[in-house]
Amino acid sequence: MKRSRRVVSLVLSCVLCAGLVGGCLDRDDEVALVGTVERKALEIAAPVSETIEEIQVELGDRVEAGQVLLTLDMQVASAELEAAQAAAEAALATLTEAQKELNRISGLRRAQVVSAQELDRARRAHDEAVASKAERAARVAQAEKRVRDLTIRSRLSGTVDQLPFEAGERSSAGGVVAVVVTDQAPWVRVWIPARVASRAPRGAPAKVFVEGLDGALDGVLEQVSQEAEFTPHYALTEEESAHLVYESRIRLDNAPGDLRAGLPARVELSLRDAGPGA
């Protein structure tokens, strides 16, 4: 989906560039571009391959950071946690006995009743019990985290955009189980011709016209790629396809909260002043 949006916006940009004088230039102090509205999409993956037990949201729902989206089957993870906790309790009991034995042998050694070798053995047993207790405690912490990770939460606030699975289906380890379009400010992806890229510094102001909206939105050139790329051969003539462009991002500062990704946009980027963000 992301790749197709990028290709569409690249084609639109290049077609417009081909039709404008001077390679997208309307005037010496302004460049006209087209692109598409983009929003940050948060892809949330399953930590393990497990059955989806319950989905607690629906497509289009608003969610807050930390809100539960769905839960995976916890039977196996809960059993592993119980086993780890039991092993930790056994390790603690062993340490308690080793401490008592070390105290007893130390007293006998002071009274010259036992040899130094027996005291050394008691100390080694005590040290091993301490190490075992620490190891078992670490395993409990790992098992607790595995259980927590089976409750899938959104890390950012936004809108639920995709739920690829149904309850009862099995997710793959690392597979995306939910996509949340975040509330972060949207931007417009455009391609700036190489011949004007040096005159379009970061922070340059822009007017953005989005299809379906009345009037212009305020934009700022937020990012320009460090590497140039060729315009696609299937969009322009052989001569024009050799032109270089830079993928760029125009941040929208006053966009509506429900502005959808993928909408076509026309950008008028000023080359006169970069403003404080340059």
C-alpha atoms as a PDB file:
ATOM      1  CA  MET A   1       0.000   0.000   0.000  1.00  0.00           C
ATOM      2  CA  LYS A   2       2.774   2.443   0.962  1.00  0.00           C
ATOM      3  CA  ARG A   3       4.736   1.533  -2.170  1.00  0.00           C
ATOM      4  CA  SER A   4       1.723   2.076  -4.427  1.00  0.00           C
ATOM      5  CA  ARG A   5       1.031   5.490  -2.864  1.00  0.00           C
ATOM      6  CA  ARG A   6       4.640   6.472  -3.421  1.00  0.00           C
ATOM      7  CA  VAL A   7       4.572   5.380  -7.060  1.00  0.00           C
ATOM      8  CA  VAL A   8       1.297   7.240  -7.718  1.00  0.00           C
ATOM      9  CA  SER A   9       2.535  10.463  -6.157  1.00  0.00           C
ATOM     10  CA  LEU A  10       5.872  10.173  -7.996  1.00  0.00           C
ATOM     11  CA  VAL A  11       4.078   9.755 -11.331  1.00  0.00           C
ATOM     12  CA  LEU A  12       1.813  12.729 -10.616  1.00  0.00           C
ATOM     13  CA  SER A  13       4.784  14.898  -9.675  1.00  0.00           C
ATOM     14  CA  CYS A  14       6.725  13.979 -12.771  1.00  0.00           C
ATOM     15  CA  VAL A  15       3.780  14.503 -15.135  1.00  0.00           C
ATOM     16  CA  LEU A  16       3.169  17.961 -13.732  1.00  0.00           C
ATOM     17  CA  CYS A  17       6.872  18.790 -13.888  1.00  0.00           C
ATOM     18  CA  ALA A  18       6.925  17.867 -17.555  1.00  0.00           C
ATOM     19  CA  GLY A  19       4.086  20.281 -18.302  1.00  0.00           C
ATOM     20  CA  LEU A  20       5.436  23.329 -16.478  1.00  0.00           C
ATOM     21  CA  VAL A  21       8.023  25.757 -17.772  1.00  0.00           C
ATOM     22  CA  GLY A  22      11.548  25.281 -16.546  1.00  0.00           C
ATOM     23  CA  GLY A  23      11.015  21.886 -14.934  1.00  0.00           C
ATOM     24  CA  CYS A  24       8.144  22.592 -12.475  1.00  0.00           C
ATOM     25  CA  LEU A  25       9.002  26.285 -12.096  1.00  0.00           C
ATOM     26  CA  ASP A  26       6.118  28.752 -12.405  1.00  0.00           C
ATOM     27  CA  ARG A  27       8.384  31.648 -11.409  1.00  0.00           C
ATOM     28  CA  ASP A  28      11.954  32.052 -10.237  1.00  0.00           C
ATOM     29  CA  ASP A  29      10.800  32.277  -6.624  1.00  0.00           C
ATOM     30  CA  GLU A  30       8.239  29.473  -6.565  1.00  0.00           C
ATOM     31  CA  VAL A  31       7.967  25.839  -7.590  1.00  0.00           C
ATOM     32  CA  ALA A  32       4.718  23.974  -8.206  1.00  0.00           C
ATOM     33  CA  LEU A  33       4.545  20.323  -7.173  1.00  0.00           C
ATOM     34  CA  VAL A  34       1.962  17.625  -6.685  1.00  0.00           C
ATOM     35  CA  GLY A  35       1.961  14.758  -4.216  1.00  0.00           C
ATOM     36  CA  THR A  36      -0.168  12.827  -1.772  1.00  0.00           C
ATOM     37  CA  VAL A  37      -1.119  13.294   1.860  1.00  0.00           C
ATOM     38  CA  GLU A  38       0.641  10.874   4.184  1.00  0.00           C
ATOM     39  CA  ARG A  39       0.166  10.031   7.858  1.00  0.00           C
ATOM     40  CA  LYS A  40       2.332   7.988  10.211  1.00  0.00           C
ATOM     41  CA  ALA A  41       0.958   4.448  10.356  1.00  0.00           C
ATOM     42  CA  LEU A  42       1.946   2.419  13.408  1.00  0.00           C
ATOM     43  CA  GLU A  43       2.256  -1.280  12.563  1.00  0.00           C
ATOM     44  CA  ILE A  44       1.808  -3.429  15.665  1.00  0.00           C
ATOM     45  CA  ALA A  45       3.229  -6.948  15.490  1.00  0.00           C
ATOM     46  CA  ALA A  46       2.586 -10.101  17.473  1.00  0.00           C
ATOM     47  CA  PRO A  47       5.608 -11.116  19.583  1.00  0.00           C
ATOM     48  CA  VAL A  48       4.991 -14.842  19.032  1.00  0.00           C
ATOM     49  CA  SER A  49       2.922 -17.124  16.860  1.00  0.00           C
ATOM     50  CA  GLU A  50      -0.258 -17.537  18.897  1.00  0.00           C
ATOM     51  CA  THR A  51      -4.040 -17.685  18.582  1.00  0.00           C
ATOM     52  CA  ILE A  52      -5.888 -14.372  18.835  1.00  0.00           C
ATOM     53  CA  GLU A  53      -8.187 -14.725  21.807  1.00  0.00           C
ATOM     54  CA  GLU A  54     -10.106 -11.439  21.731  1.00  0.00           C
ATOM     55  CA  ILE A  55     -10.173  -8.255  19.639  1.00  0.00           C
ATOM     56  CA  GLN A  56     -11.317  -5.302  21.715  1.00  0.00           C
ATOM     57  CA  VAL A  57     -11.510  -2.617  19.001  1.00  0.00           C
ATOM     58  CA  GLU A  58     -13.075  -2.196  15.585  1.00  0.00           C
ATOM     59  CA  LEU A  59     -11.921  -0.534  12.391  1.00  0.00           C
ATOM     60  CA  GLY A  60     -12.236   3.232  12.651  1.00  0.00           C
ATOM     61  CA  ASP A  61     -12.165   3.287  16.465  1.00  0.00           C
ATOM     62  CA  ARG A  62     -10.244   6.043  18.213  1.00  0.00           C
ATOM     63  CA  VAL A  63      -7.634   4.652  20.608  1.00  0.00           C
ATOM     64  CA  GLU A  64      -5.322   6.230  23.148  1.00  0.00           C
ATOM     65  CA  ALA A  65      -1.695   5.394  23.844  1.00  0.00           C
ATOM     66  CA  GLY A  66      -1.556   2.268  25.994  1.00  0.00           C
ATOM     67  CA  GLN A  67      -5.084   1.123  25.136  1.00  0.00           C
ATOM     68  CA  VAL A  68      -5.592  -2.616  24.644  1.00  0.00           C
ATOM     69  CA  LEU A  69      -6.282  -3.587  21.038  1.00  0.00           C
ATOM     70  CA  LEU A  70      -6.375  -7.378  21.283  1.00  0.00           C
ATOM     71  CA  THR A  71      -5.138 -10.279  23.374  1.00  0.00           C
ATOM     72  CA  LEU A  72      -3.411 -13.501  22.378  1.00  0.00           C
ATOM     73  CA  ASP A  73      -3.895 -16.900  24.000  1.00  0.00           C
ATOM     74  CA  MET A  74      -1.963 -16.936  27.288  1.00  0.00           C
ATOM     75  CA  GLN A  75      -2.258 -20.603  28.302  1.00  0.00           C
ATOM     76  CA  VAL A  76       1.264 -21.598  27.316  1.00  0.00           C
ATOM     77  CA  ALA A  77       2.870 -18.390  28.569  1.00  0.00           C
ATOM     78  CA  SER A  78       0.985 -18.592  31.883  1.00  0.00           C
ATOM     79  CA  ALA A  79       2.112 -22.192  32.392  1.00  0.00           C
ATOM     80  CA  GLU A  80       5.716 -21.166  31.707  1.00  0.00           C
ATOM     81  CA  LEU A  81       5.369 -18.359  34.251  1.00  0.00           C
ATOM     82  CA  GLU A  82       4.038 -20.734  36.893  1.00  0.00           C
ATOM     83  CA  ALA A  83       6.927 -23.122  36.271  1.00  0.00           C
ATOM     84  CA  ALA A  84       9.452 -20.288  36.511  1.00  0.00           C
ATOM     85  CA  GLN A  85       7.900 -19.053  39.763  1.00  0.00           C
ATOM     86  CA  ALA A  86       8.008 -22.561  41.243  1.00  0.00           C
ATOM     87  CA  ALA A  87      11.659 -22.921  40.287  1.00  0.00           C
ATOM     88  CA  ALA A  88      12.391 -19.538  41.859  1.00  0.00           C
ATOM     89  CA  GLU A  89      10.737 -20.600  45.104  1.00  0.00           C
ATOM     90  CA  ALA A  90      12.805 -23.799  45.134  1.00  0.00           C
ATOM     91  CA  ALA A  91      15.978 -21.796  44.533  1.00  0.00           C
ATOM     92  CA  LEU A  92      15.104 -19.509  47.435  1.00  0.00           C
ATOM     93  CA  ALA A  93      14.574 -22.508  49.726  1.00  0.00           C
ATOM     94  CA  THR A  94      17.936 -23.956  48.650  1.00  0.00           C
ATOM     95  CA  LEU A  95      19.624 -20.635  49.382  1.00  0.00           C
ATOM     96  CA  THR A  96      18.040 -20.478  52.807  1.00  0.00           C
ATOM     97  CA  GLU A  97      19.365 -23.933  53.673  1.00  0.00           C
ATOM     98  CA  ALA A  98      22.794 -23.123  52.242  1.00  0.00           C
ATOM     99  CA  GLN A  99      22.955 -19.978  54.372  1.00  0.00           C
ATOM    100  CA  LYS A 100      22.055 -21.940  57.494  1.00  0.00           C
ATOM    101  CA  GLU A 101      24.670 -24.567  56.703  1.00  0.00           C
ATOM    102  CA  LEU A 102      27.322 -21.921  56.061  1.00  0.00           C
ATOM    103  CA  ASN A 103      26.542 -20.270  59.393  1.00  0.00           C
ATOM    104  CA  ARG A 104      26.784 -23.653  61.182  1.00  0.00           C
ATOM    105  CA  ILE A 105      30.068 -24.639  59.531  1.00  0.00           C
ATOM    106  CA  SER A 106      31.527 -21.191  60.186  1.00  0.00           C
ATOM    107  CA  GLY A 107      30.774 -21.589  63.901  1.00  0.00           C
ATOM    108  CA  LEU A 108      32.302 -25.036  64.003  1.00  0.00           C
ATOM    109  CA  ARG A 109      35.375 -23.796  62.175  1.00  0.00           C
ATOM    110  CA  ARG A 110      35.876 -21.042  64.713  1.00  0.00           C
ATOM    111  CA  ALA A 111      35.752 -23.738  67.398  1.00  0.00           C
ATOM    112  CA  GLN A 112      38.319 -25.770  65.435  1.00  0.00           C
ATOM    113  CA  VAL A 113      35.841 -28.659  65.104  1.00  0.00           C
ATOM    114  CA  VAL A 114      35.791 -28.839  61.275  1.00  0.00           C
ATOM    115  CA  SER A 115      38.520 -28.372  58.662  1.00  0.00           C
ATOM    116  CA  ALA A 116      39.029 -25.379  56.384  1.00  0.00           C
ATOM    117  CA  GLN A 117      38.074 -27.573  53.419  1.00  0.00           C
ATOM    118  CA  GLU A 118      34.594 -28.136  54.852  1.00  0.00           C
ATOM    119  CA  LEU A 119      34.152 -24.389  55.309  1.00  0.00           C
ATOM    120  CA  ASP A 120      35.197 -23.835  51.691  1.00  0.00           C
ATOM    121  CA  ARG A 121      32.659 -26.409  50.498  1.00  0.00           C
ATOM    122  CA  ALA A 122      29.912 -24.672  52.479  1.00  0.00           C
ATOM    123  CA  ARG A 123      30.855 -21.326  50.973  1.00  0.00           C
ATOM    124  CA  ARG A 124      30.821 -22.734  47.437  1.00  0.00           C
ATOM    125  CA  ALA A 125      27.403 -24.272  48.021  1.00  0.00           C
ATOM    126  CA  HIS A 126      26.140 -20.944  49.311  1.00  0.00           C
ATOM    127  CA  ASP A 127      27.559 -19.042  46.307  1.00  0.00           C
ATOM    128  CA  GLU A 128      25.985 -21.522  43.901  1.00  0.00           C
ATOM    129  CA  ALA A 129      22.637 -21.107  45.660  1.00  0.00           C
ATOM    130  CA  VAL A 130      22.894 -17.312  45.328  1.00  0.00           C
ATOM    131  CA  ALA A 131      23.624 -17.596  41.603  1.00  0.00           C
ATOM    132  CA  SER A 132      20.774 -20.059  41.100  1.00  0.00           C
ATOM    133  CA  LYS A 133      18.330 -17.741  42.856  1.00  0.00           C
ATOM    134  CA  ALA A 134      19.387 -14.824  40.627  1.00  0.00           C
ATOM    135  CA  GLU A 135      19.020 -16.960  37.501  1.00  0.00           C
ATOM    136  CA  ARG A 136      15.549 -18.164  38.515  1.00  0.00           C
ATOM    137  CA  ALA A 137      14.470 -14.588  39.290  1.00  0.00           C
ATOM    138  CA  ALA A 138      15.595 -13.510  35.802  1.00  0.00           C
ATOM    139  CA  ARG A 139      13.574 -16.332  34.243  1.00  0.00           C
ATOM    140  CA  VAL A 140      10.506 -15.217  36.182  1.00  0.00           C
ATOM    141  CA  ALA A 141      10.964 -11.666  34.857  1.00  0.00           C
ATOM    142  CA  GLN A 142      11.249 -13.009  31.298  1.00  0.00           C
ATOM    143  CA  ALA A 143       8.124 -15.137  31.703  1.00  0.00           C
ATOM    144  CA  GLU A 144       6.199 -12.186  33.145  1.00  0.00           C
ATOM    145  CA  LYS A 145       7.177 -10.067  30.155  1.00  0.00           C
ATOM    146  CA  ARG A 146       6.046 -12.784  27.748  1.00  0.00           C
ATOM    147  CA  VAL A 147       2.652 -12.797  29.435  1.00  0.00           C
ATOM    148  CA  ARG A 148       2.398  -8.982  29.309  1.00  0.00           C
ATOM    149  CA  ASP A 149       3.388  -8.926  25.636  1.00  0.00           C
ATOM    150  CA  LEU A 150       0.408 -11.115  24.756  1.00  0.00           C
ATOM    151  CA  THR A 151      -1.824  -8.157  25.583  1.00  0.00           C
ATOM    152  CA  ILE A 152      -1.350  -6.011  22.468  1.00  0.00           C
ATOM    153  CA  ARG A 153      -1.572  -2.263  23.128  1.00  0.00           C
ATOM    154  CA  SER A 154      -1.290   0.805  20.934  1.00  0.00           C
ATOM    155  CA  ARG A 155       1.885   2.752  21.641  1.00  0.00           C
ATOM    156  CA  LEU A 156       0.408   5.997  20.256  1.00  0.00           C
ATOM    157  CA  SER A 157      -3.031   7.569  20.044  1.00  0.00           C
ATOM    158  CA  GLY A 158      -4.802   7.455  16.709  1.00  0.00           C
ATOM    159  CA  THR A 159      -7.390   5.589  14.647  1.00  0.00           C
ATOM    160  CA  VAL A 160      -7.528   1.850  14.007  1.00  0.00           C
ATOM    161  CA  ASP A 161      -6.915   1.446  10.273  1.00  0.00           C
ATOM    162  CA  GLN A 162      -6.340  -2.295   9.819  1.00  0.00           C
ATOM    163  CA  LEU A 163      -7.102  -5.504  11.722  1.00  0.00           C
ATOM    164  CA  PRO A 164      -5.765  -8.273   9.457  1.00  0.00           C
ATOM    165  CA  PHE A 165      -6.929 -11.172  11.660  1.00  0.00           C
ATOM    166  CA  GLU A 166     -10.157 -12.360  13.233  1.00  0.00           C
ATOM    167  CA  ALA A 167     -10.539 -13.745  16.734  1.00  0.00           C
ATOM    168  CA  GLY A 168      -9.603 -17.437  16.696  1.00  0.00           C
ATOM    169  CA  GLU A 169      -7.042 -17.081  13.917  1.00  0.00           C
ATOM    170  CA  ARG A 170      -3.376 -17.658  14.578  1.00  0.00           C
ATOM    171  CA  SER A 171      -0.913 -14.838  14.037  1.00  0.00           C
ATOM    172  CA  SER A 172       2.652 -15.416  12.927  1.00  0.00           C
ATOM    173  CA  ALA A 173       5.597 -14.322  15.055  1.00  0.00           C
ATOM    174  CA  GLY A 174       6.387 -10.761  14.026  1.00  0.00           C
ATOM    175  CA  GLY A 175       3.260 -10.555  11.885  1.00  0.00           C
ATOM    176  CA  VAL A 176       1.242  -7.326  11.896  1.00  0.00           C
ATOM    177  CA  VAL A 177      -1.981  -7.752  13.873  1.00  0.00           C
ATOM    178  CA  ALA A 178      -3.103  -4.105  13.884  1.00  0.00           C
ATOM    179  CA  VAL A 179      -2.324  -0.818  12.145  1.00  0.00           C
ATOM    180  CA  VAL A 180      -3.068   2.502  13.854  1.00  0.00           C
ATOM    181  CA  VAL A 181      -2.939   5.766  11.917  1.00  0.00           C
ATOM    182  CA  THR A 182      -1.513   8.103  14.531  1.00  0.00           C
ATOM    183  CA  ASP A 183      -2.554  11.619  15.506  1.00  0.00           C
ATOM    184  CA  GLN A 184       0.819  13.027  14.519  1.00  0.00           C
ATOM    185  CA  ALA A 185       0.725  15.889  12.032  1.00  0.00           C
ATOM    186  CA  PRO A 186       0.201  14.713   8.423  1.00  0.00           C
ATOM    187  CA  TRP A 187       2.534  15.641   5.599  1.00  0.00           C
ATOM    188  CA  VAL A 188       2.584  15.705   1.799  1.00  0.00           C
ATOM    189  CA  ARG A 189       5.119  13.594  -0.051  1.00  0.00           C
ATOM    190  CA  VAL A 190       6.511  15.377  -3.123  1.00  0.00           C
ATOM    191  CA  TRP A 191       9.569  15.172  -5.375  1.00  0.00           C
ATOM    192  CA  ILE A 192      11.632  18.337  -5.853  1.00  0.00           C
ATOM    193  CA  PRO A 193      13.598  18.649  -9.131  1.00  0.00           C
ATOM    194  CA  ALA A 194      17.352  18.623  -8.667  1.00  0.00           C
ATOM    195  CA  ARG A 195      17.722  21.919 -10.542  1.00  0.00           C
ATOM    196  CA  VAL A 196      15.866  23.778  -7.767  1.00  0.00           C
ATOM    197  CA  ALA A 197      16.620  21.591  -4.752  1.00  0.00           C
ATOM    198  CA  SER A 198      19.524  23.790  -3.637  1.00  0.00           C
ATOM    199  CA  ARG A 199      17.152  26.779  -3.493  1.00  0.00           C
ATOM    200  CA  ALA A 200      14.539  24.953  -1.416  1.00  0.00           C
ATOM    201  CA  PRO A 201      16.104  24.660   2.042  1.00  0.00           C
ATOM    202  CA  ARG A 202      14.525  23.000   5.030  1.00  0.00           C
ATOM    203  CA  GLY A 203      11.964  25.358   6.557  1.00  0.00           C
ATOM    204  CA  ALA A 204      10.803  26.873   3.261  1.00  0.00           C
ATOM    205  CA  PRO A 205       7.091  27.823   3.471  1.00  0.00           C
ATOM    206  CA  ALA A 206       4.477  26.322   1.190  1.00  0.00           C
ATOM    207  CA  LYS A 207       0.806  26.560   0.381  1.00  0.00           C
ATOM    208  CA  VAL A 208      -0.910  23.190   0.062  1.00  0.00           C
ATOM    209  CA  PHE A 209      -4.207  22.600  -1.697  1.00  0.00           C
ATOM    210  CA  VAL A 210      -5.775  19.247  -0.864  1.00  0.00           C
ATOM    211  CA  GLU A 211      -8.548  17.784  -2.970  1.00  0.00           C
ATOM    212  CA  GLY A 212     -11.868  18.168  -1.190  1.00  0.00           C
ATOM    213  CA  LEU A 213     -10.774  21.014   1.083  1.00  0.00           C
ATOM    214  CA  ASP A 214     -11.582  24.682   0.548  1.00  0.00           C
ATOM    215  CA  GLY A 215      -8.656  27.052   0.701  1.00  0.00           C
ATOM    216  CA  ALA A 216      -4.985  26.383   1.292  1.00  0.00           C
ATOM    217  CA  LEU A 217      -3.221  24.731   4.205  1.00  0.00           C
ATOM    218  CA  ASP A 218       0.026  26.093   5.592  1.00  0.00           C
ATOM    219  CA  GLY A 219       2.996  23.851   4.967  1.00  0.00           C
ATOM    220  CA  VAL A 220       6.697  23.795   5.734  1.00  0.00           C
ATOM    221  CA  LEU A 221       9.415  21.915   3.869  1.00  0.00           C
ATOM    222  CA  GLU A 222      10.464  19.592   6.675  1.00  0.00           C
ATOM    223  CA  GLN A 223      12.720  17.064   4.992  1.00  0.00           C
ATOM    224  CA  VAL A 224      14.581  16.606   1.718  1.00  0.00           C
ATOM    225  CA  SER A 225      16.211  13.286   0.896  1.00  0.00           C
ATOM    226  CA  GLN A 226      20.008  13.242   0.867  1.00  0.00           C
ATOM    227  CA  GLU A 227      20.033  11.123  -2.275  1.00  0.00           C
ATOM    228  CA  ALA A 228      18.561  11.914  -5.662  1.00  0.00           C
ATOM    229  CA  GLU A 229      16.623   9.413  -7.755  1.00  0.00           C
ATOM    230  CA  PHE A 230      15.580   9.235 -11.385  1.00  0.00           C
ATOM    231  CA  THR A 231      12.067   9.964 -12.522  1.00  0.00           C
ATOM    232  CA  PRO A 232      10.329   6.771 -13.727  1.00  0.00           C
ATOM    233  CA  HIS A 233      10.919   5.838 -17.363  1.00  0.00           C
ATOM    234  CA  TYR A 234       7.262   4.970 -17.914  1.00  0.00           C
ATOM    235  CA  ALA A 235       6.054   8.458 -16.941  1.00  0.00           C
ATOM    236  CA  LEU A 236       8.166  10.704 -19.146  1.00  0.00           C
ATOM    237  CA  THR A 237      10.142  10.684 -22.351  1.00  0.00           C
ATOM    238  CA  GLU A 238      13.617   9.193 -22.513  1.00  0.00           C
ATOM    239  CA  GLU A 239      15.206  12.641 -22.211  1.00  0.00           C
ATOM    240  CA  GLU A 240      13.077  13.688 -19.275  1.00  0.00           C
ATOM    241  CA  SER A 241      13.517  10.371 -17.468  1.00  0.00           C
ATOM    242  CA  ALA A 242      17.162  11.255 -16.913  1.00  0.00           C
ATOM    243  CA  HIS A 243      16.161  14.139 -14.627  1.00  0.00           C
ATOM    244  CA  LEU A 244      16.927  13.771 -10.945  1.00  0.00           C
ATOM    245  CA  VAL A 245      14.448  14.489  -8.162  1.00  0.00           C
ATOM    246  CA  TYR A 246      14.608  14.477  -4.373  1.00  0.00           C
ATOM    247  CA  GLU A 247      11.869  12.866  -2.324  1.00  0.00           C
ATOM    248  CA  SER A 248      10.671  15.499   0.141  1.00  0.00           C
ATOM    249  CA  ARG A 249       8.182  16.015   2.942  1.00  0.00           C
ATOM    250  CA  ILE A 250       5.932  19.063   3.397  1.00  0.00           C
ATOM    251  CA  ARG A 251       4.610  19.206   6.961  1.00  0.00           C
ATOM    252  CA  LEU A 252       1.022  20.449   7.360  1.00  0.00           C
ATOM    253  CA  ASP A 253       0.630  22.626  10.442  1.00  0.00           C
ATOM    254  CA  ASN A 254      -3.112  23.391  10.326  1.00  0.00           C
ATOM    255  CA  ALA A 255      -4.540  20.241   8.749  1.00  0.00           C
ATOM    256  CA  PRO A 256      -7.925  18.888   9.915  1.00  0.00           C
ATOM    257  CA  GLY A 257      -7.626  16.044  12.383  1.00  0.00           C
ATOM    258  CA  ASP A 258      -9.538  13.693  10.084  1.00  0.00           C
ATOM    259  CA  LEU A 259      -7.490  14.431   6.949  1.00  0.00           C
ATOM    260  CA  ARG A 260      -7.091  11.095   5.208  1.00  0.00           C
ATOM    261  CA  ALA A 261      -3.881   9.673   3.834  1.00  0.00           C
ATOM    262  CA  GLY A 262      -3.683   9.189   0.075  1.00  0.00           C
ATOM    263  CA  LEU A 263      -5.520  12.366  -0.942  1.00  0.00           C
ATOM    264  CA  PRO A 264      -3.965  14.198  -3.909  1.00  0.00           C
ATOM    265  CA  ALA A 265      -2.399  17.549  -3.039  1.00  0.00           C
ATOM    266  CA  ARG A 266      -0.974  20.486  -4.978  1.00  0.00           C
ATOM    267  CA  VAL A 267       1.944  22.347  -3.405  1.00  0.00           C
ATOM    268  CA  GLU A 268       3.228  25.843  -4.094  1.00  0.00           C
ATOM    269  CA  LEU A 269       6.676  25.901  -2.485  1.00  0.00           C
ATOM    270  CA  SER A 270       8.295  29.290  -1.925  1.00  0.00           C
ATOM    271  CA  LEU A 271      11.976  29.598  -2.785  1.00  0.00           C
ATOM    272  CA  ARG A 272      12.341  33.099  -1.365  1.00  0.00           C
ATOM    273  CA  ASP A 273      12.469  32.645   2.414  1.00  0.00           C
ATOM    274  CA  ALA A 274      13.151  29.541   4.432  1.00  0.00           C
ATOM    275  CA  GLY A 275      11.959  31.000   7.730  1.00  0.00           C
ATOM    276  CA  PRO A 276      13.204  30.080  11.220  1.00  0.00           C
ATOM    277  CA  GLY A 277      13.266  26.351  10.525  1.00  0.00           C
ATOM    278  CA  ALA A 278      15.930  26.584   7.824  1.00  0.00           C
END
